[in-house]
Amino acid sequence: MGAPVTYTLLFANIAIFIWAEYSKEDYFHKFAEWPYEIVNQHKYYQMVTSAFLHAGWMHLLFNMFTLFSFGPVLEGMFIHNFGQTMGSLYFFLIYFISLMSGSLLTVVFNFRNPNYFAVGASGAVSGIIFSYVLFFPFSQIGVFFIPMPAFLFAFIYVGVSIFGIKSKFGNIGHEAHLGGALGGVIATFFLIEGAFRFFLSHFG
């Protein structure tokens, strides 16, 4: 069965990064997410294309390592429960909805700033992480080599993202992280019947 969508997304992100990084064309400027341009020049495509660009090799590797860590488990579970086609489709939809919700929240908070731009798959990957947390809330996640239950990590992640949005802390797309996480949760509850009850059953 495997996890075909996960591995396709890994390949696409890496291939597009290399193509954009070493091409003579300025794809970074054209296809990054510029909220001011999206609102005022209607460049809505940037909300999608920006998720396949990254600020450098470390940025790419961190996002892809995270996707590789959570994606195959989540997609594999969906395939086991719903079959190859529907399982992979659910996974793709959660990824894409998280991507869009992360991009949308980025636009909402930054559309007045003509100099602000964002790139990276962080929003989409955040959605996959949070979808994973709904099904495996007590699995151990290592954060800077500190193990903690997945649900505790989720609370900390949301708190840090909110703090980051308010304080503009670091050169990090906190809006994309938070928007993607919310998108992942909402998409999972909407697409996977009984997901909310299953999540609560772990705390009963």
C-alpha atoms as a PDB file:
ATOM      1  CA  MET A   1       0.000   0.000   0.000  1.00  0.00           C
ATOM      2  CA  GLY A   2       2.661   2.503   1.031  1.00  0.00           C
ATOM      3  CA  ALA A   3       1.970   6.217   1.076  1.00  0.00           C
ATOM      4  CA  PRO A   4       1.971   7.384  -2.560  1.00  0.00           C
ATOM      5  CA  VAL A   5       0.703  10.918  -1.966  1.00  0.00           C
ATOM      6  CA  THR A   6       3.228  11.560   0.797  1.00  0.00           C
ATOM      7  CA  TYR A   7       6.138  10.439  -1.358  1.00  0.00           C
ATOM      8  CA  THR A   8       4.838  12.333  -4.389  1.00  0.00           C
ATOM      9  CA  LEU A   9       4.645  15.518  -2.316  1.00  0.00           C
ATOM     10  CA  LEU A  10       8.161  14.934  -0.982  1.00  0.00           C
ATOM     11  CA  PHE A  11       9.484  14.525  -4.521  1.00  0.00           C
ATOM     12  CA  ALA A  12       7.558  17.559  -5.820  1.00  0.00           C
ATOM     13  CA  ASN A  13       8.780  19.842  -3.038  1.00  0.00           C
ATOM     14  CA  ILE A  14      12.411  18.793  -3.454  1.00  0.00           C
ATOM     15  CA  ALA A  15      12.333  18.918  -7.273  1.00  0.00           C
ATOM     16  CA  ILE A  16      10.649  22.331  -7.407  1.00  0.00           C
ATOM     17  CA  PHE A  17      13.043  23.740  -4.813  1.00  0.00           C
ATOM     18  CA  ILE A  18      16.067  22.611  -6.850  1.00  0.00           C
ATOM     19  CA  TRP A  19      14.507  23.912 -10.067  1.00  0.00           C
ATOM     20  CA  ALA A  20      13.746  27.323  -8.547  1.00  0.00           C
ATOM     21  CA  GLU A  21      17.031  27.552  -6.645  1.00  0.00           C
ATOM     22  CA  TYR A  22      19.300  26.939  -9.617  1.00  0.00           C
ATOM     23  CA  SER A  23      17.255  28.399 -12.461  1.00  0.00           C
ATOM     24  CA  LYS A  24      18.189  31.712 -14.029  1.00  0.00           C
ATOM     25  CA  GLU A  25      14.568  32.832 -13.714  1.00  0.00           C
ATOM     26  CA  ASP A  26      13.448  34.617 -10.551  1.00  0.00           C
ATOM     27  CA  TYR A  27      10.781  32.084  -9.681  1.00  0.00           C
ATOM     28  CA  PHE A  28      11.161  32.907  -6.000  1.00  0.00           C
ATOM     29  CA  HIS A  29       9.837  36.428  -6.463  1.00  0.00           C
ATOM     30  CA  LYS A  30       7.136  35.414  -8.946  1.00  0.00           C
ATOM     31  CA  PHE A  31       5.686  32.522  -7.000  1.00  0.00           C
ATOM     32  CA  ALA A  32       6.293  33.345  -3.329  1.00  0.00           C
ATOM     33  CA  GLU A  33       3.292  34.475  -1.312  1.00  0.00           C
ATOM     34  CA  TRP A  34       3.078  38.262  -1.308  1.00  0.00           C
ATOM     35  CA  PRO A  35      -0.152  39.070   0.585  1.00  0.00           C
ATOM     36  CA  TYR A  36      -0.191  42.658  -0.688  1.00  0.00           C
ATOM     37  CA  GLU A  37      -0.021  41.453  -4.300  1.00  0.00           C
ATOM     38  CA  ILE A  38      -2.624  38.745  -3.692  1.00  0.00           C
ATOM     39  CA  VAL A  39      -5.145  41.282  -2.422  1.00  0.00           C
ATOM     40  CA  ASN A  40      -4.343  44.200  -4.697  1.00  0.00           C
ATOM     41  CA  GLN A  41      -3.207  42.435  -7.875  1.00  0.00           C
ATOM     42  CA  HIS A  42      -5.291  39.262  -7.469  1.00  0.00           C
ATOM     43  CA  LYS A  43      -2.317  36.910  -7.688  1.00  0.00           C
ATOM     44  CA  TYR A  44      -4.229  34.158  -5.917  1.00  0.00           C
ATOM     45  CA  TYR A  45      -2.038  31.425  -7.396  1.00  0.00           C
ATOM     46  CA  GLN A  46       0.739  32.519  -5.040  1.00  0.00           C
ATOM     47  CA  MET A  47      -1.217  30.992  -2.172  1.00  0.00           C
ATOM     48  CA  VAL A  48      -0.484  27.567  -3.681  1.00  0.00           C
ATOM     49  CA  THR A  49       2.826  28.033  -5.487  1.00  0.00           C
ATOM     50  CA  SER A  50       4.539  29.509  -2.419  1.00  0.00           C
ATOM     51  CA  ALA A  51       4.080  26.208  -0.583  1.00  0.00           C
ATOM     52  CA  PHE A  52       6.494  24.520  -3.006  1.00  0.00           C
ATOM     53  CA  LEU A  53       9.272  27.081  -2.535  1.00  0.00           C
ATOM     54  CA  HIS A  54      11.637  27.226   0.423  1.00  0.00           C
ATOM     55  CA  ALA A  55      14.056  29.787   1.807  1.00  0.00           C
ATOM     56  CA  GLY A  56      17.010  27.407   1.737  1.00  0.00           C
ATOM     57  CA  TRP A  57      18.150  23.823   2.145  1.00  0.00           C
ATOM     58  CA  MET A  58      17.621  23.763   5.924  1.00  0.00           C
ATOM     59  CA  HIS A  59      14.102  25.130   5.553  1.00  0.00           C
ATOM     60  CA  LEU A  60      13.331  22.478   2.942  1.00  0.00           C
ATOM     61  CA  LEU A  61      14.927  19.628   4.885  1.00  0.00           C
ATOM     62  CA  PHE A  62      13.122  20.509   8.112  1.00  0.00           C
ATOM     63  CA  ASN A  63       9.714  20.564   6.396  1.00  0.00           C
ATOM     64  CA  MET A  64      10.368  17.420   4.380  1.00  0.00           C
ATOM     65  CA  PHE A  65      11.733  15.525   7.384  1.00  0.00           C
ATOM     66  CA  THR A  66       8.592  16.429   9.308  1.00  0.00           C
ATOM     67  CA  LEU A  67       6.345  15.381   6.413  1.00  0.00           C
ATOM     68  CA  PHE A  68       8.303  12.124   6.093  1.00  0.00           C
ATOM     69  CA  SER A  69       7.922  11.502   9.846  1.00  0.00           C
ATOM     70  CA  PHE A  70       4.147  11.931  10.023  1.00  0.00           C
ATOM     71  CA  GLY A  71       2.815  11.562   6.470  1.00  0.00           C
ATOM     72  CA  PRO A  72       3.360   7.832   5.811  1.00  0.00           C
ATOM     73  CA  VAL A  73       1.803   6.872   9.160  1.00  0.00           C
ATOM     74  CA  LEU A  74      -1.289   9.034   8.632  1.00  0.00           C
ATOM     75  CA  GLU A  75      -1.773   8.174   4.962  1.00  0.00           C
ATOM     76  CA  GLY A  76      -1.107   4.510   5.681  1.00  0.00           C
ATOM     77  CA  MET A  77      -3.809   4.526   8.358  1.00  0.00           C
ATOM     78  CA  PHE A  78      -6.280   6.143   5.964  1.00  0.00           C
ATOM     79  CA  ILE A  79      -5.464   3.579   3.251  1.00  0.00           C
ATOM     80  CA  HIS A  80      -5.915   0.735   5.751  1.00  0.00           C
ATOM     81  CA  ASN A  81      -9.323   2.051   6.822  1.00  0.00           C
ATOM     82  CA  PHE A  82     -10.727   3.448   3.570  1.00  0.00           C
ATOM     83  CA  GLY A  83      -8.845   1.714   0.759  1.00  0.00           C
ATOM     84  CA  GLN A  84      -6.011   2.871  -1.488  1.00  0.00           C
ATOM     85  CA  THR A  85      -7.867   5.496  -3.509  1.00  0.00           C
ATOM     86  CA  MET A  86     -10.024   7.093  -0.819  1.00  0.00           C
ATOM     87  CA  GLY A  87      -7.324   6.880   1.850  1.00  0.00           C
ATOM     88  CA  SER A  88      -4.792   8.715  -0.288  1.00  0.00           C
ATOM     89  CA  LEU A  89      -7.459  11.187  -1.421  1.00  0.00           C
ATOM     90  CA  TYR A  90      -8.349  12.051   2.169  1.00  0.00           C
ATOM     91  CA  PHE A  91      -4.682  12.582   2.954  1.00  0.00           C
ATOM     92  CA  PHE A  92      -4.199  14.833  -0.083  1.00  0.00           C
ATOM     93  CA  LEU A  93      -7.294  16.888   0.761  1.00  0.00           C
ATOM     94  CA  ILE A  94      -6.119  17.439   4.337  1.00  0.00           C
ATOM     95  CA  TYR A  95      -2.708  18.516   3.044  1.00  0.00           C
ATOM     96  CA  PHE A  96      -4.187  20.882   0.463  1.00  0.00           C
ATOM     97  CA  ILE A  97      -6.816  22.384   2.779  1.00  0.00           C
ATOM     98  CA  SER A  98      -4.118  22.971   5.411  1.00  0.00           C
ATOM     99  CA  LEU A  99      -1.918  24.590   2.778  1.00  0.00           C
ATOM    100  CA  MET A 100      -4.723  26.960   1.762  1.00  0.00           C
ATOM    101  CA  SER A 101      -5.794  27.812   5.301  1.00  0.00           C
ATOM    102  CA  GLY A 102      -2.188  28.593   6.234  1.00  0.00           C
ATOM    103  CA  SER A 103      -1.811  30.829   3.188  1.00  0.00           C
ATOM    104  CA  LEU A 104      -5.149  32.517   3.859  1.00  0.00           C
ATOM    105  CA  LEU A 105      -4.283  33.406   7.460  1.00  0.00           C
ATOM    106  CA  THR A 106      -0.947  34.758   6.219  1.00  0.00           C
ATOM    107  CA  VAL A 107      -2.816  37.053   3.821  1.00  0.00           C
ATOM    108  CA  VAL A 108      -5.271  38.184   6.518  1.00  0.00           C
ATOM    109  CA  PHE A 109      -2.496  39.299   8.866  1.00  0.00           C
ATOM    110  CA  ASN A 110      -0.065  40.757   6.329  1.00  0.00           C
ATOM    111  CA  PHE A 111      -1.940  42.126   3.304  1.00  0.00           C
ATOM    112  CA  ARG A 112      -1.221  45.731   4.264  1.00  0.00           C
ATOM    113  CA  ASN A 113       2.548  45.198   4.147  1.00  0.00           C
ATOM    114  CA  PRO A 114       3.896  45.369   0.570  1.00  0.00           C
ATOM    115  CA  ASN A 115       7.272  44.030   1.709  1.00  0.00           C
ATOM    116  CA  TYR A 116       6.035  40.887   3.422  1.00  0.00           C
ATOM    117  CA  PHE A 117       6.390  37.541   1.676  1.00  0.00           C
ATOM    118  CA  ALA A 118       6.294  33.915   2.726  1.00  0.00           C
ATOM    119  CA  VAL A 119       7.396  30.570   1.315  1.00  0.00           C
ATOM    120  CA  GLY A 120       7.392  26.974   2.473  1.00  0.00           C
ATOM    121  CA  ALA A 121       5.218  23.937   3.077  1.00  0.00           C
ATOM    122  CA  SER A 122       4.953  24.669   6.796  1.00  0.00           C
ATOM    123  CA  GLY A 123       1.203  25.319   6.744  1.00  0.00           C
ATOM    124  CA  ALA A 124       0.428  22.089   4.918  1.00  0.00           C
ATOM    125  CA  VAL A 125       2.818  20.091   7.088  1.00  0.00           C
ATOM    126  CA  SER A 126       1.321  21.620  10.242  1.00  0.00           C
ATOM    127  CA  GLY A 127      -2.080  20.373   9.138  1.00  0.00           C
ATOM    128  CA  ILE A 128      -0.710  16.851   8.674  1.00  0.00           C
ATOM    129  CA  ILE A 129       0.864  16.956  12.147  1.00  0.00           C
ATOM    130  CA  PHE A 130      -2.378  18.048  13.776  1.00  0.00           C
ATOM    131  CA  SER A 131      -4.417  15.487  11.868  1.00  0.00           C
ATOM    132  CA  TYR A 132      -1.952  12.871  13.149  1.00  0.00           C
ATOM    133  CA  VAL A 133      -2.381  14.179  16.705  1.00  0.00           C
ATOM    134  CA  LEU A 134      -6.150  13.609  16.502  1.00  0.00           C
ATOM    135  CA  PHE A 135      -5.607   9.895  15.928  1.00  0.00           C
ATOM    136  CA  PHE A 136      -2.470   9.386  18.029  1.00  0.00           C
ATOM    137  CA  PRO A 137      -2.710  11.977  20.836  1.00  0.00           C
ATOM    138  CA  PHE A 138      -0.545  10.010  23.267  1.00  0.00           C
ATOM    139  CA  SER A 139       2.217   9.036  20.861  1.00  0.00           C
ATOM    140  CA  GLN A 140       5.591  10.450  21.841  1.00  0.00           C
ATOM    141  CA  ILE A 141       6.947  13.369  19.827  1.00  0.00           C
ATOM    142  CA  GLY A 142      10.490  14.612  20.330  1.00  0.00           C
ATOM    143  CA  VAL A 143      10.751  18.405  20.510  1.00  0.00           C
ATOM    144  CA  PHE A 144      14.392  19.462  20.614  1.00  0.00           C
ATOM    145  CA  PHE A 145      15.129  15.942  21.937  1.00  0.00           C
ATOM    146  CA  ILE A 146      12.507  16.325  24.694  1.00  0.00           C
ATOM    147  CA  PRO A 147       9.809  13.620  24.427  1.00  0.00           C
ATOM    148  CA  MET A 148       6.215  14.629  25.085  1.00  0.00           C
ATOM    149  CA  PRO A 149       2.712  13.381  24.235  1.00  0.00           C
ATOM    150  CA  ALA A 150       1.500  14.562  20.843  1.00  0.00           C
ATOM    151  CA  PHE A 151      -1.500  16.415  22.320  1.00  0.00           C
ATOM    152  CA  LEU A 152       0.791  18.421  24.634  1.00  0.00           C
ATOM    153  CA  PHE A 153       3.001  19.295  21.694  1.00  0.00           C
ATOM    154  CA  ALA A 154      -0.122  20.540  19.865  1.00  0.00           C
ATOM    155  CA  PHE A 155      -1.039  22.875  22.728  1.00  0.00           C
ATOM    156  CA  ILE A 156       2.501  24.266  22.896  1.00  0.00           C
ATOM    157  CA  TYR A 157       2.597  24.642  19.097  1.00  0.00           C
ATOM    158  CA  VAL A 158      -0.609  26.683  19.064  1.00  0.00           C
ATOM    159  CA  GLY A 159       0.569  28.822  21.973  1.00  0.00           C
ATOM    160  CA  VAL A 160       3.914  29.558  20.347  1.00  0.00           C
ATOM    161  CA  SER A 161       2.207  30.378  17.044  1.00  0.00           C
ATOM    162  CA  ILE A 162      -0.201  32.833  18.671  1.00  0.00           C
ATOM    163  CA  PHE A 163       2.645  34.447  20.590  1.00  0.00           C
ATOM    164  CA  GLY A 164       4.689  34.644  17.400  1.00  0.00           C
ATOM    165  CA  ILE A 165       1.857  36.332  15.479  1.00  0.00           C
ATOM    166  CA  LYS A 166       1.364  38.935  18.184  1.00  0.00           C
ATOM    167  CA  SER A 167       5.052  39.622  18.826  1.00  0.00           C
ATOM    168  CA  LYS A 168       6.368  39.090  15.271  1.00  0.00           C
ATOM    169  CA  PHE A 169       8.937  36.818  16.895  1.00  0.00           C
ATOM    170  CA  GLY A 170      11.605  35.470  14.548  1.00  0.00           C
ATOM    171  CA  ASN A 171      11.640  35.224  10.797  1.00  0.00           C
ATOM    172  CA  ILE A 172       8.968  32.523  10.925  1.00  0.00           C
ATOM    173  CA  GLY A 173       5.565  32.226   9.263  1.00  0.00           C
ATOM    174  CA  HIS A 174       3.588  31.789  12.481  1.00  0.00           C
ATOM    175  CA  GLU A 175       0.368  32.645  10.654  1.00  0.00           C
ATOM    176  CA  ALA A 176       0.907  29.788   8.203  1.00  0.00           C
ATOM    177  CA  HIS A 177       1.667  27.405  11.062  1.00  0.00           C
ATOM    178  CA  LEU A 178      -1.477  28.284  12.982  1.00  0.00           C
ATOM    179  CA  GLY A 179      -3.702  28.454   9.904  1.00  0.00           C
ATOM    180  CA  GLY A 180      -2.396  25.124   8.646  1.00  0.00           C
ATOM    181  CA  ALA A 181      -2.913  23.461  12.022  1.00  0.00           C
ATOM    182  CA  LEU A 182      -6.515  24.706  12.222  1.00  0.00           C
ATOM    183  CA  GLY A 183      -7.119  23.670   8.627  1.00  0.00           C
ATOM    184  CA  GLY A 184      -5.787  20.180   9.324  1.00  0.00           C
ATOM    185  CA  VAL A 185      -8.083  19.717  12.317  1.00  0.00           C
ATOM    186  CA  ILE A 186     -11.173  21.059  10.562  1.00  0.00           C
ATOM    187  CA  ALA A 187     -10.505  19.074   7.377  1.00  0.00           C
ATOM    188  CA  THR A 188      -9.995  15.863   9.357  1.00  0.00           C
ATOM    189  CA  PHE A 189     -13.225  16.302  11.327  1.00  0.00           C
ATOM    190  CA  PHE A 190     -15.117  17.111   8.124  1.00  0.00           C
ATOM    191  CA  LEU A 191     -13.690  14.307   5.971  1.00  0.00           C
ATOM    192  CA  ILE A 192     -13.225  11.449   8.444  1.00  0.00           C
ATOM    193  CA  GLU A 193     -16.492  10.401  10.031  1.00  0.00           C
ATOM    194  CA  GLY A 194     -16.131   9.792  13.752  1.00  0.00           C
ATOM    195  CA  ALA A 195     -12.700  11.450  14.019  1.00  0.00           C
ATOM    196  CA  PHE A 196     -13.826  13.832  16.770  1.00  0.00           C
ATOM    197  CA  ARG A 197     -15.359  11.015  18.842  1.00  0.00           C
ATOM    198  CA  PHE A 198     -12.258   8.893  18.302  1.00  0.00           C
ATOM    199  CA  PHE A 199     -10.038  11.729  19.551  1.00  0.00           C
ATOM    200  CA  LEU A 200     -12.164  12.258  22.672  1.00  0.00           C
ATOM    201  CA  SER A 201     -12.213   8.521  23.393  1.00  0.00           C
ATOM    202  CA  HIS A 202      -8.517   8.684  24.265  1.00  0.00           C
ATOM    203  CA  PHE A 203      -9.333  10.930  27.223  1.00  0.00           C
ATOM    204  CA  GLY A 204     -12.369   9.053  28.507  1.00  0.00           C
END
